[in-house]
N, C-alpha and C. Protein backbone atom coordinates (compact mmCIF):
# COMPACT_ATOMS: atom_id res chain seq x y z
N UNK A 1 -12.54 33.45 41.60
CA UNK A 1 -13.01 34.72 41.61
C UNK A 1 -14.18 34.70 42.68
N UNK A 2 -13.98 35.84 43.61
CA UNK A 2 -15.46 36.02 44.60
C UNK A 2 -16.60 36.86 43.87
N UNK A 3 -17.85 36.44 43.87
CA UNK A 3 -18.82 37.80 43.63
C UNK A 3 -20.09 36.92 44.97
N UNK A 4 -20.20 38.44 45.40
CA UNK A 4 -20.74 38.66 46.37
C UNK A 4 -22.20 39.35 45.81
N UNK A 5 -23.58 38.40 45.88
CA UNK A 5 -24.74 38.66 44.97
C UNK A 5 -25.75 38.82 46.42
N UNK A 6 -26.80 39.22 46.35
CA UNK A 6 -27.79 39.23 46.91
C UNK A 6 -28.91 39.30 46.12
N UNK A 7 -30.47 38.62 46.68
CA UNK A 7 -31.66 38.50 46.05
C UNK A 7 -32.54 38.44 46.95
N UNK A 8 -33.98 38.70 46.73
CA UNK A 8 -34.84 38.88 47.64
C UNK A 8 -35.41 37.27 48.52
N UNK A 9 -34.67 36.53 47.39
CA UNK A 9 -34.88 35.16 48.43
C UNK A 9 -36.49 34.64 47.65
N UNK A 10 -36.96 35.12 47.37
CA UNK A 10 -38.17 34.24 46.77
C UNK A 10 -38.81 34.41 45.66
N UNK A 11 -37.79 34.22 44.92
CA UNK A 11 -38.05 34.40 43.08
C UNK A 11 -37.19 32.81 42.99
N UNK A 12 -37.63 31.99 42.50
CA UNK A 12 -37.39 30.48 42.12
C UNK A 12 -36.17 30.77 41.18
N UNK A 13 -34.91 30.16 41.18
CA UNK A 13 -33.86 30.02 40.50
C UNK A 13 -32.83 31.41 40.85
N UNK A 14 -33.30 32.00 41.52
CA UNK A 14 -32.35 33.10 42.38
C UNK A 14 -31.46 32.97 43.10
N UNK A 15 -31.96 31.77 44.60
CA UNK A 15 -31.06 31.63 45.36
C UNK A 15 -30.04 30.52 44.56
N UNK A 16 -28.53 30.99 44.81
CA UNK A 16 -27.51 30.25 44.27
C UNK A 16 -27.74 28.84 44.70
N UNK A 17 -27.34 28.03 43.79
CA UNK A 17 -27.05 26.63 44.51
C UNK A 17 -25.21 26.49 43.03
N UNK A 18 -24.82 25.28 44.47
CA UNK A 18 -23.03 24.82 43.35
C UNK A 18 -23.40 24.68 42.09
N UNK A 19 -22.88 24.62 41.45
CA UNK A 19 -23.10 23.98 40.45
C UNK A 19 -24.03 25.20 39.02
N UNK A 20 -24.75 25.25 39.85
CA UNK A 20 -26.07 26.22 38.88
C UNK A 20 -25.95 27.42 38.45
N UNK A 21 -26.00 27.83 37.03
CA UNK A 21 -25.67 29.25 36.85
C UNK A 21 -26.68 30.20 37.35
N UNK A 22 -26.38 31.21 37.80
CA UNK A 22 -27.46 32.66 38.39
C UNK A 22 -26.61 34.03 37.37
N UNK A 23 -27.84 34.83 37.10
CA UNK A 23 -27.35 36.00 36.19
C UNK A 23 -27.15 36.94 37.76
N UNK A 24 -26.06 37.82 37.02
CA UNK A 24 -25.66 38.84 38.77
C UNK A 24 -25.43 40.06 37.55
N UNK A 25 -26.20 40.94 38.62
CA UNK A 25 -26.58 42.38 37.74
C UNK A 25 -25.77 43.50 38.90
N UNK A 26 -25.14 44.64 37.69
CA UNK A 26 -24.62 45.43 38.55
C UNK A 26 -26.01 46.28 39.29
N UNK A 27 -25.90 46.33 40.59
CA UNK A 27 -27.03 47.49 41.48
C UNK A 27 -27.78 48.68 40.50
N UNK A 28 -26.75 49.19 39.98
CA UNK A 28 -27.05 50.51 38.85
C UNK A 28 -26.91 50.66 37.58
N UNK A 29 -26.15 50.21 36.91
CA UNK A 29 -25.28 50.43 35.85
C UNK A 29 -25.78 48.71 35.05
N UNK A 30 -27.15 49.09 34.27
CA UNK A 30 -27.68 48.12 33.54
C UNK A 30 -27.21 47.47 32.47
N UNK A 31 -25.82 47.32 32.00
CA UNK A 31 -25.18 47.28 30.95
C UNK A 31 -24.08 45.81 31.13
N UNK A 32 -23.99 46.13 33.11
CA UNK A 32 -23.32 45.46 33.86
C UNK A 32 -23.74 44.46 34.36
N UNK A 33 -23.62 43.02 33.68
CA UNK A 33 -23.85 42.09 34.28
C UNK A 33 -23.10 40.37 33.81
N UNK A 34 -23.51 39.66 34.11
CA UNK A 34 -22.88 38.49 34.00
C UNK A 34 -23.50 37.01 34.62
N UNK A 35 -23.45 35.83 33.97
CA UNK A 35 -23.77 34.69 34.27
C UNK A 35 -22.23 34.22 35.28
N UNK A 36 -22.58 33.65 36.45
CA UNK A 36 -21.65 32.64 37.33
C UNK A 36 -22.12 31.73 37.82
N UNK A 37 -21.17 30.47 37.60
CA UNK A 37 -21.53 29.10 37.91
C UNK A 37 -20.74 29.14 39.37
N UNK A 38 -21.67 28.80 40.65
CA UNK A 38 -20.75 28.98 42.14
C UNK A 38 -20.27 27.30 41.88
N UNK A 39 -19.13 27.56 42.61
CA UNK A 39 -18.57 26.26 43.21
C UNK A 39 -18.96 26.47 44.76
N UNK A 40 -18.80 27.48 44.97
CA UNK A 40 -19.23 27.39 46.56
C UNK A 40 -20.22 28.46 46.97
N UNK A 41 -21.00 28.18 47.79
CA UNK A 41 -21.96 29.11 48.30
C UNK A 41 -22.46 29.59 50.05
N UNK A 42 -21.96 30.69 50.38
CA UNK A 42 -21.93 30.72 52.34
C UNK A 42 -23.29 31.95 51.84
N UNK A 43 -24.42 30.89 52.35
CA UNK A 43 -25.31 32.34 52.93
C UNK A 43 -24.89 33.06 54.09
N UNK A 44 -25.06 34.43 54.20
CA UNK A 44 -24.41 35.35 55.03
C UNK A 44 -25.28 35.84 55.66
N UNK A 45 -27.03 35.58 55.66
CA UNK A 45 -28.01 36.38 56.18
C UNK A 45 -29.15 35.36 57.01
N UNK A 46 -29.51 35.40 58.02
CA UNK A 46 -30.22 34.46 58.56
C UNK A 46 -31.22 35.64 59.66
N UNK A 47 -32.42 34.89 59.54
CA UNK A 47 -33.88 35.56 59.53
C UNK A 47 -33.57 35.25 61.10
N UNK A 48 -33.35 36.49 62.05
CA UNK A 48 -33.81 36.31 63.66
C UNK A 48 -34.72 36.85 64.14
N UNK A 49 -35.54 38.04 63.51
CA UNK A 49 -37.04 38.39 63.69
C UNK A 49 -37.92 38.44 62.98
N UNK A 50 -39.09 37.89 63.11
CA UNK A 50 -40.09 37.77 62.27
C UNK A 50 -41.06 37.62 63.19
N UNK A 51 -42.42 38.93 62.71
CA UNK A 51 -43.42 38.74 63.35
C UNK A 51 -43.71 38.72 64.77
N UNK A 52 -42.86 40.20 64.96
CA UNK A 52 -42.26 40.43 66.27
C UNK A 52 -41.78 39.14 67.42
N UNK A 53 -41.28 38.18 66.83
CA UNK A 53 -40.62 37.10 67.81
C UNK A 53 -39.36 37.42 67.29
N UNK A 54 -38.45 36.63 68.08
CA UNK A 54 -36.96 36.15 67.80
C UNK A 54 -37.20 34.70 67.56
N UNK A 55 -36.59 34.46 66.23
CA UNK A 55 -36.57 33.31 65.70
C UNK A 55 -35.75 32.30 65.83
N UNK A 56 -34.21 32.29 66.13
CA UNK A 56 -33.31 31.82 66.50
C UNK A 56 -32.96 32.30 68.29
N UNK A 57 -31.78 31.60 68.25
CA UNK A 57 -30.97 31.92 69.64
C UNK A 57 -30.61 32.71 68.94
N UNK A 58 -29.80 34.30 69.99
CA UNK A 58 -29.22 35.20 69.16
C UNK A 58 -27.96 34.75 69.60
N UNK A 59 -26.75 34.69 69.23
CA UNK A 59 -25.51 34.78 69.34
C UNK A 59 -25.02 35.68 70.35
N UNK A 60 -24.12 35.06 71.55
CA UNK A 60 -23.67 36.25 72.45
C UNK A 60 -22.74 37.22 71.83
N UNK A 61 -22.17 38.21 72.29
CA UNK A 61 -21.59 39.37 72.09
C UNK A 61 -20.11 38.78 71.52
N UNK A 62 -19.45 38.06 72.21
CA UNK A 62 -18.54 37.42 72.22
C UNK A 62 -18.61 36.20 70.56
N UNK A 63 -19.50 35.65 70.32
CA UNK A 63 -19.35 35.05 69.58
C UNK A 63 -19.63 35.82 67.98
N UNK A 64 -20.56 36.78 68.18
CA UNK A 64 -20.67 37.71 67.27
C UNK A 64 -19.24 38.79 67.03
N UNK A 65 -18.39 38.87 68.14
CA UNK A 65 -17.02 39.39 67.86
C UNK A 65 -15.82 38.82 67.03
N UNK A 66 -16.15 37.04 67.42
CA UNK A 66 -15.38 36.37 66.39
C UNK A 66 -15.84 36.17 65.24
N UNK A 67 -17.11 36.22 65.11
CA UNK A 67 -17.82 35.83 63.53
C UNK A 67 -17.11 36.97 62.53
N UNK A 68 -17.39 38.66 63.21
CA UNK A 68 -17.10 39.11 62.81
C UNK A 68 -15.44 39.55 62.21
N UNK A 69 -14.36 39.37 63.29
CA UNK A 69 -13.10 39.05 63.26
C UNK A 69 -12.71 37.91 62.41
N UNK A 70 -13.43 37.10 62.01
CA UNK A 70 -13.46 35.92 61.38
C UNK A 70 -13.47 36.13 59.68
N UNK A 71 -14.19 36.79 59.26
CA UNK A 71 -15.07 37.53 58.30
C UNK A 71 -13.63 38.63 57.63
N UNK A 72 -13.53 39.59 58.38
CA UNK A 72 -12.14 40.38 58.27
C UNK A 72 -11.14 39.80 57.89
N UNK A 73 -10.61 38.76 58.31
CA UNK A 73 -9.69 38.33 58.46
C UNK A 73 -9.51 37.60 57.02
N UNK A 74 -10.66 37.36 56.36
CA UNK A 74 -10.80 36.69 54.79
C UNK A 74 -10.40 37.97 53.90
N UNK A 75 -10.91 38.67 54.57
CA UNK A 75 -11.12 40.04 53.39
C UNK A 75 -9.44 39.75 52.57
N UNK A 76 -9.82 40.42 51.26
CA UNK A 76 -8.56 40.91 50.06
C UNK A 76 -8.34 42.11 50.88
N UNK A 77 -6.98 42.45 51.02
CA UNK A 77 -5.94 43.29 51.92
C UNK A 77 -6.42 44.68 50.92
N UNK A 78 -6.78 44.78 49.88
CA UNK A 78 -6.92 45.75 48.61
C UNK A 78 -7.93 46.32 48.77
N UNK A 79 -9.53 45.59 49.86
CA UNK A 79 -10.27 46.04 50.08
C UNK A 79 -10.36 46.89 51.66
N UNK A 80 -9.25 46.34 52.43
CA UNK A 80 -9.35 46.45 53.82
C UNK A 80 -8.08 47.91 53.99
N UNK A 81 -7.46 48.03 52.66
CA UNK A 81 -6.14 49.48 53.17
C UNK A 81 -7.28 50.84 53.32
N UNK A 82 -6.08 51.37 54.33
CA UNK A 82 -6.73 52.76 54.46
C UNK A 82 -6.80 53.82 53.42
N UNK A 83 -5.56 53.62 52.65
CA UNK A 83 -5.83 54.44 51.26
C UNK A 83 -6.07 54.11 50.45
N UNK A 84 -6.62 54.86 49.97
CA UNK A 84 -7.38 54.08 47.89
C UNK A 84 -7.90 52.34 48.45
N UNK A 85 -8.74 52.34 49.05
CA UNK A 85 -9.19 51.42 48.71
C UNK A 85 -10.05 50.92 47.67
N UNK A 86 -10.10 49.23 47.31
CA UNK A 86 -10.62 49.00 46.14
C UNK A 86 -12.02 48.85 47.10
N UNK A 87 -12.66 49.41 46.19
CA UNK A 87 -14.25 49.17 46.50
C UNK A 87 -14.89 47.49 46.04
N UNK A 88 -15.30 47.44 46.98
CA UNK A 88 -16.00 45.81 47.22
C UNK A 88 -17.47 45.61 46.34
N UNK A 89 -17.47 44.99 45.34
CA UNK A 89 -18.22 44.83 44.31
C UNK A 89 -19.37 44.05 45.16
N UNK A 90 -20.92 44.50 44.87
CA UNK A 90 -21.56 43.50 44.77
C UNK A 90 -23.02 43.64 44.07
N UNK A 91 -23.25 42.01 43.35
CA UNK A 91 -24.10 41.89 42.65
C UNK A 91 -25.76 41.88 43.22
N UNK A 92 -26.48 42.05 41.99
CA UNK A 92 -27.94 41.83 42.66
C UNK A 92 -28.85 40.61 41.31
N UNK A 93 -29.67 40.24 42.21
CA UNK A 93 -30.76 38.98 41.16
C UNK A 93 -31.16 40.01 40.45
N UNK A 94 -32.22 39.54 39.25
CA UNK A 94 -32.87 40.02 38.57
C UNK A 94 -34.33 40.66 39.49
N UNK A 95 -34.90 40.08 40.39
CA UNK A 95 -35.68 40.38 40.83
C UNK A 95 -35.39 41.40 41.69
N UNK A 96 -34.28 41.48 42.67
CA UNK A 96 -33.66 42.68 43.51
C UNK A 96 -33.84 44.33 42.86
N UNK A 97 -33.14 43.77 41.47
CA UNK A 97 -32.71 45.11 40.87
C UNK A 97 -34.13 45.49 40.71
N UNK A 98 -34.90 45.04 40.08
CA UNK A 98 -36.44 45.38 39.60
C UNK A 98 -37.10 45.69 40.98
N UNK A 99 -36.68 45.15 41.74
CA UNK A 99 -37.80 45.84 42.98
C UNK A 99 -37.05 47.38 43.76
N UNK A 100 -35.71 47.90 43.00
CA UNK A 100 -34.96 48.81 43.93
C UNK A 100 -34.78 49.77 42.82
N UNK A 101 -35.04 49.45 41.35
CA UNK A 101 -35.78 50.39 40.40
C UNK A 101 -37.19 50.85 40.45
N UNK A 102 -37.95 49.91 40.77
CA UNK A 102 -39.05 50.37 40.78
C UNK A 102 -39.48 51.19 41.86
N UNK A 103 -38.95 51.01 42.97
CA UNK A 103 -38.99 51.99 44.14
C UNK A 103 -38.51 53.16 44.22
N UNK A 104 -37.24 53.03 43.16
CA UNK A 104 -36.39 54.50 42.96
C UNK A 104 -37.44 55.38 42.37
N UNK A 105 -38.10 54.81 41.03
CA UNK A 105 -38.72 55.53 40.15
C UNK A 105 -39.74 56.28 40.91
N UNK A 106 -40.70 55.07 42.33
CA UNK A 106 -41.79 55.70 42.60
C UNK A 106 -41.48 56.77 43.18
N UNK A 107 -40.36 56.95 43.92
CA UNK A 107 -39.97 58.23 44.49
C UNK A 107 -39.59 59.62 44.13
N UNK A 108 -39.09 59.03 42.57
CA UNK A 108 -38.59 60.03 41.73
C UNK A 108 -39.29 61.35 41.60
N UNK A 109 -39.08 62.99 41.26
CA UNK A 109 -39.60 63.46 41.24
C UNK A 109 -39.97 63.64 39.60
N UNK A 110 -41.15 63.71 39.22
CA UNK A 110 -41.49 64.12 37.51
C UNK A 110 -41.71 65.57 37.22
N UNK A 111 -40.95 65.76 36.80
CA UNK A 111 -41.26 67.54 36.05
C UNK A 111 -42.03 67.73 34.84
N UNK A 112 -42.83 68.81 35.42
CA UNK A 112 -44.11 69.36 34.16
C UNK A 112 -42.82 70.58 33.20
N UNK A 113 -42.80 70.10 32.25
CA UNK A 113 -42.54 70.29 30.88
C UNK A 113 -43.67 71.37 30.25
N UNK A 114 -43.23 72.80 29.90
CA UNK A 114 -44.29 73.61 29.99
C UNK A 114 -43.65 74.70 28.46
């Protein structure tokens, strides 16, 4: 099975490592969660911009296009079909789950009951 998971990256034990069990949570349904032991880990995010400066050499437009087409080619067909596509599930780490929910609650209006 393939699991896509996102984390804040700053909490020890939440960055996936091959053979080490991690907790994966549904971003919005707290009852949906599972432990996963990765057999393979592919980091998909790279830091390009920090403190107003470019951190790495940017890929050319052609390199970006090749990477994008390569990633699309390995997607399951049921996720890519035009009619009734299967949703692509993404799990989050505990720290990212907490961050999203804290931000959500800060912005949610509180009603006065009288």
